[in-house]
Amino acid sequence: MKVILNRRFRYAVSEPLYLENTEITIPQKVDQVQCCYLNNTAQFQIVRIANTANGFFERTVMPHSKIVFEAHPDDHLEIHTGNPINSILSDKIPCHRLAYQGD
């Protein structure tokens, strides 16, 4: 997708910047899938995706609850069980196996 800008932009610390009919190419959204993970344990779990294209994803999942998120199908969801000080990596699941169609 291309966006044509014909506006005047001003930055707080520098001189005004003038853009005249400048083309900016915006990358398309990577093919992401909606995923769902269910914590069936009685412990808190920390789930994380370290190599996601959007940076770093990390959430705490309460016991017997689920989390819905978007990720690339090739990413891996790491499941860490225990308390934050001495949690252990208990599972690593490919995100394509967690694909989810919303309600």
Foldseek 3Di string as FASTA:
>chain_A
DKDFDQDKAQDDPDGTDGDHRDIDDDDDDDPKFKFKDFAQDQFKKKKWWCPFPVHIDIDIDHHGGMDIDIGHQQTWIWIWTDDPVDTDGDDIHRRVVRGDDDD
